Amino acid sequence: MAEQLTESHKEALKDLNQKKAQVNAEVLSLGLLKLSIEKREKNLSIFYEHVSKLEKEIGQKIYKDYGDVTINPDTLEFIRKNPK
């Protein structure tokens, strides 16, 4: 025949089970967050590669049209490095 635990032991075990459930929920939440971060990192890497390629293409076009110049990013004016 099974014997009963005292109420204080029952409450302690219930509290323990709730805390373990909280730990499991946090582990799941962190796992999902990690997957989300990994996806964002991948997307950022792809976007960075796109921006780098675009920067190179624009730089080549500007060099072709204006020669070797320095561009002020605030005013978008340029100064020729080797004025003619």
PDB file of N, CA and C in Angstrom:
ATOM      1  N   MET A   1       0.842  -1.184   0.000  1.00  0.00           N
ATOM      2  CA  MET A   1       0.000   0.000   0.000  1.00  0.00           C
ATOM      3  C   MET A   1       0.885   1.244   0.000  1.00  0.00           C
ATOM      4  N   ALA A   2       0.553   2.191  -0.883  1.00  0.00           N
ATOM      5  CA  ALA A   2       1.328   3.420  -1.010  1.00  0.00           C
ATOM      6  C   ALA A   2       1.052   4.346   0.157  1.00  0.00           C
ATOM      7  N   GLU A   3       2.096   4.988   0.615  1.00  0.00           N
ATOM      8  CA  GLU A   3       1.957   5.948   1.711  1.00  0.00           C
ATOM      9  C   GLU A   3       1.988   7.362   1.166  1.00  0.00           C
ATOM     10  N   GLN A   4       1.419   8.278   1.881  1.00  0.00           N
ATOM     11  CA  GLN A   4       1.318   9.675   1.464  1.00  0.00           C
ATOM     12  C   GLN A   4       2.481  10.494   2.027  1.00  0.00           C
ATOM     13  N   LEU A   5       2.954  11.440   1.217  1.00  0.00           N
ATOM     14  CA  LEU A   5       3.945  12.407   1.683  1.00  0.00           C
ATOM     15  C   LEU A   5       3.234  13.467   2.515  1.00  0.00           C
ATOM     16  N   THR A   6       4.011  14.156   3.314  1.00  0.00           N
ATOM     17  CA  THR A   6       3.423  15.268   4.065  1.00  0.00           C
ATOM     18  C   THR A   6       3.092  16.401   3.096  1.00  0.00           C
ATOM     19  N   GLU A   7       2.210  17.286   3.518  1.00  0.00           N
ATOM     20  CA  GLU A   7       1.819  18.417   2.674  1.00  0.00           C
ATOM     21  C   GLU A   7       3.023  19.277   2.320  1.00  0.00           C
ATOM     22  N   SER A   8       3.939  19.488   3.244  1.00  0.00           N
ATOM     23  CA  SER A   8       5.105  20.329   2.958  1.00  0.00           C
ATOM     24  C   SER A   8       5.986  19.673   1.893  1.00  0.00           C
ATOM     25  N   HIS A   9       6.130  18.354   1.933  1.00  0.00           N
ATOM     26  CA  HIS A   9       6.901  17.661   0.901  1.00  0.00           C
ATOM     27  C   HIS A   9       6.182  17.714  -0.447  1.00  0.00           C
ATOM     28  N   LYS A  10       4.865  17.559  -0.422  1.00  0.00           N
ATOM     29  CA  LYS A  10       4.096  17.647  -1.653  1.00  0.00           C
ATOM     30  C   LYS A  10       4.251  19.024  -2.297  1.00  0.00           C
ATOM     31  N   GLU A  11       4.149  20.065  -1.466  1.00  0.00           N
ATOM     32  CA  GLU A  11       4.283  21.435  -1.966  1.00  0.00           C
ATOM     33  C   GLU A  11       5.691  21.673  -2.504  1.00  0.00           C
ATOM     34  N   ALA A  12       6.695  21.155  -1.823  1.00  0.00           N
ATOM     35  CA  ALA A  12       8.080  21.313  -2.276  1.00  0.00           C
ATOM     36  C   ALA A  12       8.273  20.644  -3.638  1.00  0.00           C
ATOM     37  N   LEU A  13       7.703  19.457  -3.815  1.00  0.00           N
ATOM     38  CA  LEU A  13       7.818  18.754  -5.090  1.00  0.00           C
ATOM     39  C   LEU A  13       7.043  19.470  -6.204  1.00  0.00           C
ATOM     40  N   LYS A  14       5.868  20.005  -5.880  1.00  0.00           N
ATOM     41  CA  LYS A  14       5.098  20.764  -6.859  1.00  0.00           C
ATOM     42  C   LYS A  14       5.888  21.999  -7.302  1.00  0.00           C
ATOM     43  N   ASP A  15       6.479  22.684  -6.322  1.00  0.00           N
ATOM     44  CA  ASP A  15       7.284  23.869  -6.617  1.00  0.00           C
ATOM     45  C   ASP A  15       8.489  23.491  -7.495  1.00  0.00           C
ATOM     46  N   LEU A  16       9.125  22.381  -7.164  1.00  0.00           N
ATOM     47  CA  LEU A  16      10.258  21.903  -7.948  1.00  0.00           C
ATOM     48  C   LEU A  16       9.829  21.604  -9.391  1.00  0.00           C
ATOM     49  N   ASN A  17       8.710  20.940  -9.558  1.00  0.00           N
ATOM     50  CA  ASN A  17       8.220  20.625 -10.901  1.00  0.00           C
ATOM     51  C   ASN A  17       7.900  21.887 -11.706  1.00  0.00           C
ATOM     52  N   GLN A  18       7.360  22.901 -11.038  1.00  0.00           N
ATOM     53  CA  GLN A  18       7.082  24.163 -11.722  1.00  0.00           C
ATOM     54  C   GLN A  18       8.382  24.828 -12.171  1.00  0.00           C
ATOM     55  N   LYS A  19       9.382  24.791 -11.287  1.00  0.00           N
ATOM     56  CA  LYS A  19      10.673  25.402 -11.626  1.00  0.00           C
ATOM     57  C   LYS A  19      11.340  24.649 -12.782  1.00  0.00           C
ATOM     58  N   LYS A  20      11.237  23.328 -12.799  1.00  0.00           N
ATOM     59  CA  LYS A  20      11.786  22.540 -13.892  1.00  0.00           C
ATOM     60  C   LYS A  20      11.062  22.839 -15.199  1.00  0.00           C
ATOM     61  N   ALA A  21       9.760  23.048 -15.121  1.00  0.00           N
ATOM     62  CA  ALA A  21       8.987  23.410 -16.305  1.00  0.00           C
ATOM     63  C   ALA A  21       9.430  24.784 -16.826  1.00  0.00           C
ATOM     64  N   GLN A  22       9.726  25.708 -15.897  1.00  0.00           N
ATOM     65  CA  GLN A  22      10.220  27.025 -16.298  1.00  0.00           C
ATOM     66  C   GLN A  22      11.574  26.902 -16.993  1.00  0.00           C
ATOM     67  N   VAL A  23      12.444  26.047 -16.461  1.00  0.00           N
ATOM     68  CA  VAL A  23      13.752  25.826 -17.081  1.00  0.00           C
ATOM     69  C   VAL A  23      13.559  25.288 -18.495  1.00  0.00           C
ATOM     70  N   ASN A  24      12.699  24.293 -18.648  1.00  0.00           N
ATOM     71  CA  ASN A  24      12.444  23.718 -19.973  1.00  0.00           C
ATOM     72  C   ASN A  24      11.895  24.764 -20.941  1.00  0.00           C
ATOM     73  N   ALA A  25      10.994  25.609 -20.452  1.00  0.00           N
ATOM     74  CA  ALA A  25      10.428  26.653 -21.309  1.00  0.00           C
ATOM     75  C   ALA A  25      11.511  27.638 -21.739  1.00  0.00           C
ATOM     76  N   GLU A  26      12.413  27.987 -20.819  1.00  0.00           N
ATOM     77  CA  GLU A  26      13.508  28.909 -21.152  1.00  0.00           C
ATOM     78  C   GLU A  26      14.465  28.280 -22.156  1.00  0.00           C
ATOM     79  N   VAL A  27      14.758  26.994 -21.983  1.00  0.00           N
ATOM     80  CA  VAL A  27      15.635  26.299 -22.930  1.00  0.00           C
ATOM     81  C   VAL A  27      15.015  26.333 -24.326  1.00  0.00           C
ATOM     82  N   LEU A  28      13.733  26.058 -24.418  1.00  0.00           N
ATOM     83  CA  LEU A  28      13.034  26.106 -25.697  1.00  0.00           C
ATOM     84  C   LEU A  28      13.068  27.516 -26.278  1.00  0.00           C
ATOM     85  N   SER A  29      12.781  28.491 -25.435  1.00  0.00           N
ATOM     86  CA  SER A  29      12.782  29.882 -25.885  1.00  0.00           C
ATOM     87  C   SER A  29      14.156  30.296 -26.387  1.00  0.00           C
ATOM     88  N   LEU A  30      15.211  29.932 -25.650  1.00  0.00           N
ATOM     89  CA  LEU A  30      16.567  30.274 -26.071  1.00  0.00           C
ATOM     90  C   LEU A  30      16.943  29.561 -27.361  1.00  0.00           C
ATOM     91  N   GLY A  31      16.507  28.327 -27.512  1.00  0.00           N
ATOM     92  CA  GLY A  31      16.771  27.598 -28.750  1.00  0.00           C
ATOM     93  C   GLY A  31      16.138  28.282 -29.944  1.00  0.00           C
ATOM     94  N   LEU A  32      14.893  28.716 -29.779  1.00  0.00           N
ATOM     95  CA  LEU A  32      14.211  29.425 -30.858  1.00  0.00           C
ATOM     96  C   LEU A  32      14.885  30.761 -31.144  1.00  0.00           C
ATOM     97  N   LEU A  33      15.303  31.440 -30.087  1.00  0.00           N
ATOM     98  CA  LEU A  33      16.001  32.709 -30.250  1.00  0.00           C
ATOM     99  C   LEU A  33      17.317  32.499 -30.991  1.00  0.00           C
ATOM    100  N   LYS A  34      18.030  31.430 -30.635  1.00  0.00           N
ATOM    101  CA  LYS A  34      19.297  31.125 -31.305  1.00  0.00           C
ATOM    102  C   LYS A  34      19.066  30.882 -32.789  1.00  0.00           C
ATOM    103  N   LEU A  35      18.024  30.126 -33.136  1.00  0.00           N
ATOM    104  CA  LEU A  35      17.708  29.889 -34.542  1.00  0.00           C
ATOM    105  C   LEU A  35      17.386  31.194 -35.260  1.00  0.00           C
ATOM    106  N   SER A  36      16.654  32.059 -34.585  1.00  0.00           N
ATOM    107  CA  SER A  36      16.307  33.354 -35.163  1.00  0.00           C
ATOM    108  C   SER A  36      17.562  34.190 -35.399  1.00  0.00           C
ATOM    109  N   ILE A  37      18.463  34.188 -34.440  1.00  0.00           N
ATOM    110  CA  ILE A  37      19.718  34.947 -34.575  1.00  0.00           C
ATOM    111  C   ILE A  37      20.551  34.387 -35.722  1.00  0.00           C
ATOM    112  N   GLU A  38      20.638  33.064 -35.808  1.00  0.00           N
ATOM    113  CA  GLU A  38      21.406  32.451 -36.887  1.00  0.00           C
ATOM    114  C   GLU A  38      20.835  32.821 -38.252  1.00  0.00           C
ATOM    115  N   LYS A  39      19.510  32.857 -38.355  1.00  0.00           N
ATOM    116  CA  LYS A  39      18.870  33.238 -39.612  1.00  0.00           C
ATOM    117  C   LYS A  39      19.176  34.702 -39.932  1.00  0.00           C
ATOM    118  N   ARG A  40      19.102  35.557 -38.925  1.00  0.00           N
ATOM    119  CA  ARG A  40      19.402  36.975 -39.138  1.00  0.00           C
ATOM    120  C   ARG A  40      20.863  37.179 -39.523  1.00  0.00           C
ATOM    121  N   GLU A  41      21.769  36.400 -38.911  1.00  0.00           N
ATOM    122  CA  GLU A  41      23.179  36.489 -39.258  1.00  0.00           C
ATOM    123  C   GLU A  41      23.403  36.089 -40.720  1.00  0.00           C
ATOM    124  N   LYS A  42      22.719  35.034 -41.147  1.00  0.00           N
ATOM    125  CA  LYS A  42      22.836  34.583 -42.535  1.00  0.00           C
ATOM    126  C   LYS A  42      22.317  35.659 -43.476  1.00  0.00           C
ATOM    127  N   ASN A  43      21.149  36.225 -43.157  1.00  0.00           N
ATOM    128  CA  ASN A  43      20.575  37.291 -43.989  1.00  0.00           C
ATOM    129  C   ASN A  43      21.480  38.511 -44.021  1.00  0.00           C
ATOM    130  N   LEU A  44      22.075  38.843 -42.881  1.00  0.00           N
ATOM    131  CA  LEU A  44      22.981  39.991 -42.824  1.00  0.00           C
ATOM    132  C   LEU A  44      24.215  39.739 -43.674  1.00  0.00           C
ATOM    133  N   SER A  45      24.729  38.532 -43.625  1.00  0.00           N
ATOM    134  CA  SER A  45      25.898  38.182 -44.433  1.00  0.00           C
ATOM    135  C   SER A  45      25.596  38.327 -45.921  1.00  0.00           C
ATOM    136  N   ILE A  46      24.425  37.847 -46.337  1.00  0.00           N
ATOM    137  CA  ILE A  46      24.017  37.972 -47.735  1.00  0.00           C
ATOM    138  C   ILE A  46      23.863  39.446 -48.119  1.00  0.00           C
ATOM    139  N   PHE A  47      23.239  40.228 -47.240  1.00  0.00           N
ATOM    140  CA  PHE A  47      23.047  41.656 -47.508  1.00  0.00           C
ATOM    141  C   PHE A  47      24.384  42.384 -47.568  1.00  0.00           C
ATOM    142  N   TYR A  48      25.301  42.036 -46.659  1.00  0.00           N
ATOM    143  CA  TYR A  48      26.623  42.659 -46.644  1.00  0.00           C
ATOM    144  C   TYR A  48      27.363  42.374 -47.950  1.00  0.00           C
ATOM    145  N   GLU A  49      27.289  41.140 -48.429  1.00  0.00           N
ATOM    146  CA  GLU A  49      27.928  40.788 -49.698  1.00  0.00           C
ATOM    147  C   GLU A  49      27.326  41.605 -50.839  1.00  0.00           C
ATOM    148  N   HIS A  50      26.005  41.773 -50.823  1.00  0.00           N
ATOM    149  CA  HIS A  50      25.327  42.579 -51.840  1.00  0.00           C
ATOM    150  C   HIS A  50      25.811  44.031 -51.800  1.00  0.00           C
ATOM    151  N   VAL A  51      25.878  44.598 -50.597  1.00  0.00           N
ATOM    152  CA  VAL A  51      26.315  45.994 -50.451  1.00  0.00           C
ATOM    153  C   VAL A  51      27.769  46.139 -50.888  1.00  0.00           C
ATOM    154  N   SER A  52      28.614  45.186 -50.530  1.00  0.00           N
ATOM    155  CA  SER A  52      30.029  45.240 -50.927  1.00  0.00           C
ATOM    156  C   SER A  52      30.174  45.194 -52.444  1.00  0.00           C
ATOM    157  N   LYS A  53      29.398  44.321 -53.089  1.00  0.00           N
ATOM    158  CA  LYS A  53      29.437  44.217 -54.544  1.00  0.00           C
ATOM    159  C   LYS A  53      28.958  45.519 -55.180  1.00  0.00           C
ATOM    160  N   LEU A  54      27.886  46.074 -54.642  1.00  0.00           N
ATOM    161  CA  LEU A  54      27.346  47.334 -55.149  1.00  0.00           C
ATOM    162  C   LEU A  54      28.370  48.458 -54.993  1.00  0.00           C
ATOM    163  N   GLU A  55      29.026  48.505 -53.847  1.00  0.00           N
ATOM    164  CA  GLU A  55      30.044  49.526 -53.598  1.00  0.00           C
ATOM    165  C   GLU A  55      31.170  49.422 -54.626  1.00  0.00           C
ATOM    166  N   LYS A  56      31.603  48.204 -54.904  1.00  0.00           N
ATOM    167  CA  LYS A  56      32.671  47.984 -55.883  1.00  0.00           C
ATOM    168  C   LYS A  56      32.229  48.420 -57.273  1.00  0.00           C
ATOM    169  N   GLU A  57      31.006  48.047 -57.666  1.00  0.00           N
ATOM    170  CA  GLU A  57      30.487  48.408 -58.989  1.00  0.00           C
ATOM    171  C   GLU A  57      30.384  49.925 -59.149  1.00  0.00           C
ATOM    172  N   ILE A  58      29.864  50.589 -58.127  1.00  0.00           N
ATOM    173  CA  ILE A  58      29.723  52.051 -58.204  1.00  0.00           C
ATOM    174  C   ILE A  58      31.098  52.705 -58.259  1.00  0.00           C
ATOM    175  N   GLY A  59      32.024  52.187 -57.450  1.00  0.00           N
ATOM    176  CA  GLY A  59      33.391  52.722 -57.467  1.00  0.00           C
ATOM    177  C   GLY A  59      34.039  52.582 -58.834  1.00  0.00           C
ATOM    178  N   GLN A  60      33.831  51.453 -59.490  1.00  0.00           N
ATOM    179  CA  GLN A  60      34.390  51.236 -60.824  1.00  0.00           C
ATOM    180  C   GLN A  60      33.766  52.176 -61.853  1.00  0.00           C
ATOM    181  N   LYS A  61      32.452  52.392 -61.754  1.00  0.00           N
ATOM    182  CA  LYS A  61      31.777  53.305 -62.681  1.00  0.00           C
ATOM    183  C   LYS A  61      32.275  54.739 -62.494  1.00  0.00           C
ATOM    184  N   ILE A  62      32.418  55.143 -61.233  1.00  0.00           N
ATOM    185  CA  ILE A  62      32.903  56.499 -60.965  1.00  0.00           C
ATOM    186  C   ILE A  62      34.331  56.648 -61.462  1.00  0.00           C
ATOM    187  N   TYR A  63      35.160  55.646 -61.242  1.00  0.00           N
ATOM    188  CA  TYR A  63      36.548  55.697 -61.721  1.00  0.00           C
ATOM    189  C   TYR A  63      36.585  55.803 -63.242  1.00  0.00           C
ATOM    190  N   LYS A  64      35.717  55.031 -63.908  1.00  0.00           N
ATOM    191  CA  LYS A  64      35.660  55.060 -65.370  1.00  0.00           C
ATOM    192  C   LYS A  64      35.238  56.438 -65.879  1.00  0.00           C
ATOM    193  N   ASP A  65      34.266  57.047 -65.204  1.00  0.00           N
ATOM    194  CA  ASP A  65      33.737  58.340 -65.655  1.00  0.00           C
ATOM    195  C   ASP A  65      34.579  59.538 -65.217  1.00  0.00           C
ATOM    196  N   TYR A  66      35.213  59.477 -64.046  1.00  0.00           N
ATOM    197  CA  TYR A  66      35.893  60.651 -63.486  1.00  0.00           C
ATOM    198  C   TYR A  66      37.373  60.441 -63.225  1.00  0.00           C
ATOM    199  N   GLY A  67      37.828  59.219 -63.327  1.00  0.00           N
ATOM    200  CA  GLY A  67      39.232  58.944 -63.020  1.00  0.00           C
ATOM    201  C   GLY A  67      39.409  58.734 -61.519  1.00  0.00           C
ATOM    202  N   ASP A  68      40.661  58.890 -61.092  1.00  0.00           N
ATOM    203  CA  ASP A  68      41.016  58.656 -59.687  1.00  0.00           C
ATOM    204  C   ASP A  68      40.615  59.876 -58.860  1.00  0.00           C
ATOM    205  N   VAL A  69      39.531  59.749 -58.092  1.00  0.00           N
ATOM    206  CA  VAL A  69      38.999  60.866 -57.319  1.00  0.00           C
ATOM    207  C   VAL A  69      38.737  60.454 -55.872  1.00  0.00           C
ATOM    208  N   THR A  70      38.630  61.478 -55.023  1.00  0.00           N
ATOM    209  CA  THR A  70      38.188  61.287 -53.650  1.00  0.00           C
ATOM    210  C   THR A  70      36.830  61.958 -53.531  1.00  0.00           C
ATOM    211  N   ILE A  71      35.866  61.225 -52.972  1.00  0.00           N
ATOM    212  CA  ILE A  71      34.499  61.758 -52.871  1.00  0.00           C
ATOM    213  C   ILE A  71      34.201  62.106 -51.420  1.00  0.00           C
ATOM    214  N   ASN A  72      33.695  63.324 -51.222  1.00  0.00           N
ATOM    215  CA  ASN A  72      33.249  63.740 -49.903  1.00  0.00           C
ATOM    216  C   ASN A  72      31.880  63.106 -49.668  1.00  0.00           C
ATOM    217  N   PRO A  73      31.744  62.211 -48.672  1.00  0.00           N
ATOM    218  CA  PRO A  73      30.463  61.524 -48.470  1.00  0.00           C
ATOM    219  C   PRO A  73      29.325  62.436 -48.009  1.00  0.00           C
ATOM    220  N   ASP A  74      29.676  63.599 -47.453  1.00  0.00           N
ATOM    221  CA  ASP A  74      28.636  64.512 -46.983  1.00  0.00           C
ATOM    222  C   ASP A  74      28.064  65.356 -48.119  1.00  0.00           C
ATOM    223  N   THR A  75      28.952  65.872 -48.982  1.00  0.00           N
ATOM    224  CA  THR A  75      28.507  66.766 -50.047  1.00  0.00           C
ATOM    225  C   THR A  75      28.365  66.053 -51.397  1.00  0.00           C
ATOM    226  N   LEU A  76      28.928  64.858 -51.477  1.00  0.00           N
ATOM    227  CA  LEU A  76      28.969  64.078 -52.717  1.00  0.00           C
ATOM    228  C   LEU A  76      29.689  64.815 -53.837  1.00  0.00           C
ATOM    229  N   GLU A  77      30.613  65.685 -53.462  1.00  0.00           N
ATOM    230  CA  GLU A  77      31.494  66.339 -54.410  1.00  0.00           C
ATOM    231  C   GLU A  77      32.803  65.557 -54.455  1.00  0.00           C
ATOM    232  N   PHE A  78      33.533  65.713 -55.541  1.00  0.00           N
ATOM    233  CA  PHE A  78      34.779  64.978 -55.645  1.00  0.00           C
ATOM    234  C   PHE A  78      35.958  65.885 -55.921  1.00  0.00           C
ATOM    235  N   ILE A  79      37.112  65.390 -55.569  1.00  0.00           N
ATOM    236  CA  ILE A  79      38.379  66.074 -55.847  1.00  0.00           C
ATOM    237  C   ILE A  79      39.242  65.073 -56.602  1.00  0.00           C
ATOM    238  N   ARG A  80      39.775  65.532 -57.725  1.00  0.00           N
ATOM    239  CA  ARG A  80      40.654  64.659 -58.495  1.00  0.00           C
ATOM    240  C   ARG A  80      41.984  64.494 -57.776  1.00  0.00           C
ATOM    241  N   LYS A  81      42.463  63.263 -57.733  1.00  0.00           N
ATOM    242  CA  LYS A  81      43.751  62.992 -57.080  1.00  0.00           C
ATOM    243  C   LYS A  81      44.911  63.470 -57.948  1.00  0.00           C
ATOM    244  N   ASN A  82      44.754  63.387 -59.240  1.00  0.00           N
ATOM    245  CA  ASN A  82      45.781  63.846 -60.185  1.00  0.00           C
ATOM    246  C   ASN A  82      45.160  64.845 -61.152  1.00  0.00           C
ATOM    247  N   PRO A  83      45.021  66.115 -60.674  1.00  0.00           N
ATOM    248  CA  PRO A  83      44.362  67.108 -61.547  1.00  0.00           C
ATOM    249  C   PRO A  83      45.157  67.290 -62.832  1.00  0.00           C
ATOM    250  N   LYS A  84      44.406  67.501 -63.909  1.00  0.00           N
ATOM    251  CA  LYS A  84      45.050  67.684 -65.234  1.00  0.00           C
ATOM    252  C   LYS A  84      45.363  69.126 -65.484  1.00  0.00           C
TER     253      LYS A  84
END
